[in-house]
Amino acid sequence: MCVYVARTGVVPTVPVAAVGWLTWRGTLAGVPLLSSLIERIDEALKRDDVKAGVITGEKDNFSGGYDMNALDELQEGKAGPELIRTLTNILETARKPFVAAINGPALGAGFEVAMACNARIATPTAKLRLPELKLGLIPGGGGTQRLPRLVGLRNAIEILLTSKPVHGEEAHKLGLVDAIVPADKLLENARQMALDIWARRKPWVSSLYKTDKLEPLGKAREILNEARGQAPSLQHSQVCLDVIEEGIVSGPDAGLSKERKAFQILLKSDTCKEGARKRRDQARSRL
């Protein structure tokens, strides 16, 4: 993953404006690269000539999330999950708006970073997915809390428990992304959206504290209890529902705290270790 910040951006057909561009390459592959991304965002926040930021991926890939080698690092106790949480917290609380320009797959932690931005704009070929439950895990960067607030509880539970991908137009319909544009217009539109948010021409939204998509508490508990009866009787599936419920009942900050603790416990489980091994073997067989 290569990250850089540039004041003038990369869209030659658009007048120069003070937008910080952050482009990453491939996966969020470990602690050094996450630290680099946080440093570049911090640089953009400190510069007076940068008014807003756009985060995008290289070519036709937004982010592949954690790779299997990085997952091994997590199981060894390295600080990757905490850096993801630091990154998403910085984006959500920054005094400058950030827009995710999703130009292809946005998976796992990459998707969670996009949800922490103030807005998301995508191409029709974008694919958003949280595959953690296929690995015996739950999302560890706020996905259990932000997703229900963006798409509603029932939709979020389906996306999380099945690990199904959500493609461009469906993502727009659900509220995961704010607009769908052609690939050759993506950066131009993302740049303009970021500046519009900075100028208050568009709303400055913090997805973690949205409530308009959440059902009333009584209805939410009905949906969660129904999901518990239908979900696989696997530890991580039931833990995921417990973590979601904590955020709805006690607030998103409490939900994030429970998510963090649950992620660390599941990371050391036999199910997670076996899931990671199978994914590595599948990756090797495709080479």
Protein backbone atom coordinates (compact mmCIF):
# COMPACT_ATOMS: atom_id res chain seq x y z
CA MET A 1 0.00 0.00 0.00
CA CYS A 2 1.45 3.32 -1.06
CA VAL A 3 0.02 6.44 0.55
CA TYR A 4 0.64 10.03 -0.41
CA VAL A 5 -0.84 13.47 0.15
CA ALA A 6 -0.86 16.12 -2.56
CA ARG A 7 -2.49 19.53 -2.38
CA THR A 8 -3.61 19.86 -5.99
CA GLY A 9 -5.06 16.43 -6.50
CA VAL A 10 -4.84 14.29 -9.63
CA VAL A 11 -7.77 15.41 -11.79
CA PRO A 12 -6.42 17.61 -14.61
CA THR A 13 -9.84 18.67 -15.92
CA VAL A 14 -10.85 20.27 -12.62
CA PRO A 15 -9.55 23.63 -11.32
CA VAL A 16 -6.97 23.31 -8.57
CA ALA A 17 -8.52 23.15 -5.12
CA ALA A 18 -7.10 22.43 -1.71
CA VAL A 19 -8.01 18.75 -1.38
CA GLY A 20 -5.68 16.15 0.10
CA TRP A 21 -5.52 12.96 -1.96
CA LEU A 22 -4.68 9.69 -0.21
CA THR A 23 -4.25 6.66 -2.42
CA TRP A 24 -3.49 3.20 -1.12
CA ARG A 25 -2.42 0.13 -3.01
CA GLY A 26 -3.87 -3.32 -2.35
CA THR A 27 -4.49 -4.52 1.19
CA LEU A 28 -4.10 -3.02 4.65
CA ALA A 29 -1.14 -5.31 5.06
CA GLY A 30 0.13 -4.76 8.54
CA VAL A 31 1.20 -2.27 11.16
CA PRO A 32 3.80 -0.21 9.22
CA LEU A 33 1.43 0.57 6.39
CA LEU A 34 -1.44 1.46 8.69
CA SER A 35 0.90 3.76 10.59
CA SER A 36 1.91 5.40 7.32
CA LEU A 37 -1.70 6.04 6.38
CA ILE A 38 -2.43 7.61 9.77
CA GLU A 39 0.64 9.83 9.39
CA ARG A 40 -0.46 11.02 5.95
CA ILE A 41 -3.96 11.84 7.21
CA ASP A 42 -2.46 13.68 10.17
CA GLU A 43 -0.33 15.67 7.71
CA ALA A 44 -3.42 16.63 5.72
CA LEU A 45 -5.20 17.73 8.90
CA LYS A 46 -2.30 19.96 9.94
CA ARG A 47 -1.91 21.73 6.60
CA ASP A 48 -3.85 24.98 6.35
CA ASP A 49 -3.94 24.73 2.55
CA VAL A 50 -5.81 21.40 2.66
CA LYS A 51 -9.51 21.87 3.35
CA ALA A 52 -10.79 18.32 2.80
CA GLY A 53 -9.61 14.84 1.91
CA VAL A 54 -10.38 12.08 -0.57
CA ILE A 55 -9.33 8.48 0.07
CA THR A 56 -9.22 6.11 -2.89
CA GLY A 57 -7.49 3.00 -4.15
CA GLU A 58 -5.12 2.44 -7.01
CA LYS A 59 -6.54 1.48 -10.41
CA ASP A 60 -9.74 -0.55 -9.88
CA ASN A 61 -9.28 -1.68 -6.27
CA PHE A 62 -10.23 0.40 -3.23
CA SER A 63 -8.81 -1.94 -0.57
CA GLY A 64 -8.63 -5.66 -0.04
CA GLY A 65 -8.74 -5.33 3.76
CA TYR A 66 -6.26 -7.38 5.79
CA ASP A 67 -4.27 -10.02 3.97
CA MET A 68 -3.59 -13.39 5.54
CA ASN A 69 -0.04 -12.50 6.57
CA ALA A 70 -1.37 -9.49 8.46
CA LEU A 71 -3.95 -11.73 10.14
CA ASP A 72 -1.06 -13.85 11.41
CA GLU A 73 0.42 -10.65 12.86
CA LEU A 74 -2.85 -9.96 14.67
CA GLN A 75 -2.92 -13.44 16.16
CA GLU A 76 0.61 -12.82 17.42
CA GLY A 77 -0.66 -9.82 19.35
CA LYS A 78 0.54 -6.98 17.12
CA ALA A 79 -1.31 -3.67 17.13
CA GLY A 80 -3.14 -3.74 13.78
CA PRO A 81 -6.72 -3.64 15.11
CA GLU A 82 -5.93 -0.72 17.39
CA LEU A 83 -4.47 1.19 14.44
CA ILE A 84 -7.62 0.54 12.40
CA ARG A 85 -9.68 1.91 15.29
CA THR A 86 -7.36 4.90 15.60
CA LEU A 87 -7.67 5.55 11.87
CA THR A 88 -11.47 5.35 11.80
CA ASN A 89 -11.73 7.55 14.89
CA ILE A 90 -9.45 10.17 13.31
CA LEU A 91 -11.56 10.23 10.15
CA GLU A 92 -14.84 10.46 12.01
CA THR A 93 -13.76 13.20 14.43
CA ALA A 94 -11.55 15.22 12.07
CA ARG A 95 -12.20 18.93 11.68
CA LYS A 96 -11.92 18.43 7.91
CA PRO A 97 -14.28 16.20 5.91
CA PHE A 98 -13.12 13.03 4.17
CA VAL A 99 -14.83 11.29 1.25
CA ALA A 100 -14.15 7.69 0.20
CA ALA A 101 -13.94 7.30 -3.59
CA ILE A 102 -14.63 3.59 -4.00
CA ASN A 103 -13.27 2.42 -7.34
CA GLY A 104 -13.60 -1.34 -6.92
CA PRO A 105 -13.64 -3.90 -4.11
CA ALA A 106 -13.72 -2.45 -0.58
CA LEU A 107 -13.31 -5.40 1.74
CA GLY A 108 -13.02 -5.86 5.48
CA ALA A 109 -11.00 -3.14 7.16
CA GLY A 110 -10.95 -1.16 3.90
CA PHE A 111 -14.75 -1.08 3.93
CA GLU A 112 -14.70 -0.04 7.59
CA VAL A 113 -12.41 2.88 6.76
CA ALA A 114 -14.83 3.94 4.01
CA MET A 115 -17.76 3.83 6.46
CA ALA A 116 -15.85 6.13 8.82
CA CYS A 117 -15.55 8.80 6.12
CA ASN A 118 -18.15 11.56 6.00
CA ALA A 119 -19.41 10.39 2.61
CA ARG A 120 -18.84 7.63 0.09
CA ILE A 121 -19.04 7.80 -3.68
CA ALA A 122 -18.59 4.71 -5.85
CA THR A 123 -18.47 3.34 -9.35
CA PRO A 124 -21.05 0.82 -10.62
CA THR A 125 -18.43 -1.94 -10.29
CA ALA A 126 -17.73 -1.24 -6.62
CA LYS A 127 -18.08 -4.23 -4.30
CA LEU A 128 -18.38 -3.72 -0.54
CA ARG A 129 -18.02 -6.68 1.77
CA LEU A 130 -17.24 -7.61 5.37
CA PRO A 131 -15.91 -11.19 5.12
CA GLU A 132 -14.75 -11.51 8.72
CA LEU A 133 -17.43 -14.00 9.79
CA LYS A 134 -16.17 -16.41 7.13
CA LEU A 135 -12.92 -16.41 9.10
CA GLY A 136 -14.54 -17.00 12.49
CA LEU A 137 -14.20 -13.31 13.40
CA ILE A 138 -16.32 -10.18 13.56
CA PRO A 139 -15.35 -6.80 12.10
CA GLY A 140 -12.84 -5.10 14.39
CA GLY A 141 -12.82 -1.53 13.09
CA GLY A 142 -16.33 -0.38 13.92
CA GLY A 143 -18.20 -2.26 11.21
CA THR A 144 -20.71 -3.75 13.67
CA GLN A 145 -21.66 -0.23 14.77
CA ARG A 146 -21.51 1.89 11.62
CA LEU A 147 -23.19 -0.54 9.23
CA PRO A 148 -26.56 -0.70 11.06
CA ARG A 149 -26.61 3.10 11.25
CA LEU A 150 -26.07 3.38 7.51
CA VAL A 151 -28.43 0.68 6.19
CA GLY A 152 -30.74 -0.27 9.07
CA LEU A 153 -30.53 -3.21 11.44
CA ARG A 154 -32.10 -5.96 9.33
CA ASN A 155 -29.97 -5.17 6.27
CA ALA A 156 -26.82 -4.91 8.39
CA ILE A 157 -27.40 -8.28 10.04
CA GLU A 158 -27.80 -9.96 6.65
CA ILE A 159 -24.65 -8.33 5.26
CA LEU A 160 -22.61 -9.22 8.34
CA LEU A 161 -23.76 -12.78 8.99
CA THR A 162 -23.65 -13.91 5.34
CA SER A 163 -20.54 -11.90 4.40
CA LYS A 164 -22.33 -11.19 1.13
CA PRO A 165 -20.93 -8.52 -1.21
CA VAL A 166 -22.99 -5.40 -1.87
CA HIS A 167 -22.47 -4.00 -5.36
CA GLY A 168 -22.61 -0.40 -6.54
CA GLU A 169 -26.27 0.29 -7.29
CA GLU A 170 -27.52 -1.84 -4.39
CA ALA A 171 -25.09 -0.05 -2.06
CA HIS A 172 -26.55 3.27 -3.19
CA LYS A 173 -30.11 2.05 -2.69
CA LEU A 174 -29.31 0.84 0.83
CA GLY A 175 -27.53 4.06 1.79
CA LEU A 176 -24.02 2.63 2.00
CA VAL A 177 -22.82 5.07 -0.64
CA ASP A 178 -24.11 8.56 -1.40
CA ALA A 179 -23.73 8.50 -5.19
CA ILE A 180 -22.80 6.24 -8.11
CA VAL A 181 -20.77 7.76 -10.93
CA PRO A 182 -18.80 6.45 -13.94
CA ALA A 183 -15.22 5.47 -13.20
CA ASP A 184 -13.78 8.36 -15.23
CA LYS A 185 -15.82 10.85 -13.16
CA LEU A 186 -15.16 9.32 -9.74
CA LEU A 187 -12.30 11.50 -8.51
CA GLU A 188 -13.80 14.69 -9.92
CA ASN A 189 -17.09 14.02 -8.13
CA ALA A 190 -15.42 12.89 -4.90
CA ARG A 191 -13.30 16.04 -4.85
CA GLN A 192 -16.34 18.24 -5.36
CA MET A 193 -18.32 16.39 -2.71
CA ALA A 194 -15.50 16.84 -0.19
CA LEU A 195 -15.38 20.58 -0.88
CA ASP A 196 -19.18 20.84 -0.71
CA ILE A 197 -19.15 19.22 2.74
CA TRP A 198 -16.35 21.54 3.87
CA ALA A 199 -18.37 24.56 2.64
CA ARG A 200 -21.54 23.17 4.30
CA ARG A 201 -23.31 22.87 0.96
CA LYS A 202 -23.78 19.17 1.80
CA PRO A 203 -24.35 17.69 5.27
CA TRP A 204 -21.35 16.75 7.40
CA VAL A 205 -22.35 13.24 8.49
CA SER A 206 -20.77 11.08 11.17
CA SER A 207 -21.97 7.56 10.42
CA LEU A 208 -21.28 6.33 13.95
CA TYR A 209 -23.87 8.70 15.39
CA LYS A 210 -26.56 8.46 12.72
CA THR A 211 -29.89 7.30 14.12
CA ASP A 212 -32.40 7.81 11.30
CA LYS A 213 -31.97 4.26 9.94
CA LEU A 214 -32.15 2.52 13.33
CA GLU A 215 -35.40 0.91 14.40
CA PRO A 216 -36.95 1.77 17.79
CA LEU A 217 -35.44 -0.25 20.64
CA GLY A 218 -38.35 -2.67 20.99
CA LYS A 219 -38.41 -3.44 17.28
CA ALA A 220 -34.63 -3.71 17.20
CA ARG A 221 -34.69 -6.35 19.91
CA GLU A 222 -37.33 -8.30 17.99
CA ILE A 223 -35.11 -8.28 14.89
CA LEU A 224 -32.06 -9.37 16.91
CA ASN A 225 -33.92 -12.20 18.64
CA GLU A 226 -35.25 -13.40 15.30
CA ALA A 227 -31.72 -13.31 13.87
CA ARG A 228 -30.38 -15.31 16.84
CA GLY A 229 -32.85 -18.06 16.06
CA GLN A 230 -31.94 -18.12 12.36
CA ALA A 231 -28.18 -17.56 12.56
CA PRO A 232 -25.76 -20.49 12.69
CA SER A 233 -25.11 -21.61 16.25
CA LEU A 234 -21.49 -20.57 15.92
CA GLN A 235 -19.75 -18.52 18.56
CA HIS A 236 -18.75 -15.67 16.28
CA SER A 237 -22.22 -15.33 14.72
CA GLN A 238 -23.91 -15.02 18.10
CA VAL A 239 -21.16 -12.71 19.42
CA CYS A 240 -21.67 -10.45 16.39
CA LEU A 241 -25.36 -10.07 17.26
CA ASP A 242 -24.50 -9.38 20.91
CA VAL A 243 -22.07 -6.64 19.88
CA ILE A 244 -24.62 -5.02 17.58
CA GLU A 245 -27.20 -5.08 20.37
CA GLU A 246 -24.79 -3.44 22.80
CA GLY A 247 -24.40 -0.50 20.46
CA ILE A 248 -28.13 -0.09 20.00
CA VAL A 249 -29.00 -0.39 23.69
CA SER A 250 -26.03 1.44 25.26
CA GLY A 251 -24.81 3.63 22.41
CA PRO A 252 -22.14 3.28 19.72
CA ASP A 253 -19.18 3.96 22.01
CA ALA A 254 -20.21 1.06 24.26
CA GLY A 255 -20.70 -1.02 21.13
CA LEU A 256 -17.20 -0.21 19.92
CA SER A 257 -15.77 -1.22 23.28
CA LYS A 258 -17.57 -4.57 23.22
CA GLU A 259 -16.56 -5.10 19.58
CA ARG A 260 -12.90 -4.53 20.46
CA LYS A 261 -12.95 -7.05 23.32
CA ALA A 262 -14.89 -9.65 21.33
CA PHE A 263 -12.57 -9.30 18.33
CA GLN A 264 -9.53 -10.04 20.47
CA ILE A 265 -11.16 -13.12 22.00
CA LEU A 266 -12.32 -14.52 18.65
CA LEU A 267 -8.95 -13.82 17.04
CA LYS A 268 -7.41 -16.49 19.27
CA SER A 269 -10.12 -19.08 18.69
CA ASP A 270 -9.51 -22.33 16.85
CA THR A 271 -12.25 -21.41 14.36
CA CYS A 272 -10.44 -18.23 13.36
CA LYS A 273 -7.06 -19.94 13.07
CA GLU A 274 -8.54 -22.69 10.90
CA GLY A 275 -10.38 -20.15 8.73
CA ALA A 276 -7.20 -18.18 8.15
CA ARG A 277 -5.32 -21.35 7.25
CA LYS A 278 -7.95 -22.33 4.66
CA ARG A 279 -7.89 -18.88 3.08
CA ARG A 280 -4.10 -19.00 2.80
CA ASP A 281 -4.26 -22.45 1.20
CA GLN A 282 -6.88 -21.23 -1.28
CA ALA A 283 -4.72 -18.23 -2.16
CA ARG A 284 -1.68 -20.46 -2.75
CA SER A 285 -3.69 -22.86 -4.95
CA ARG A 286 -4.64 -19.99 -7.24
CA LEU A 287 -0.99 -19.05 -7.83
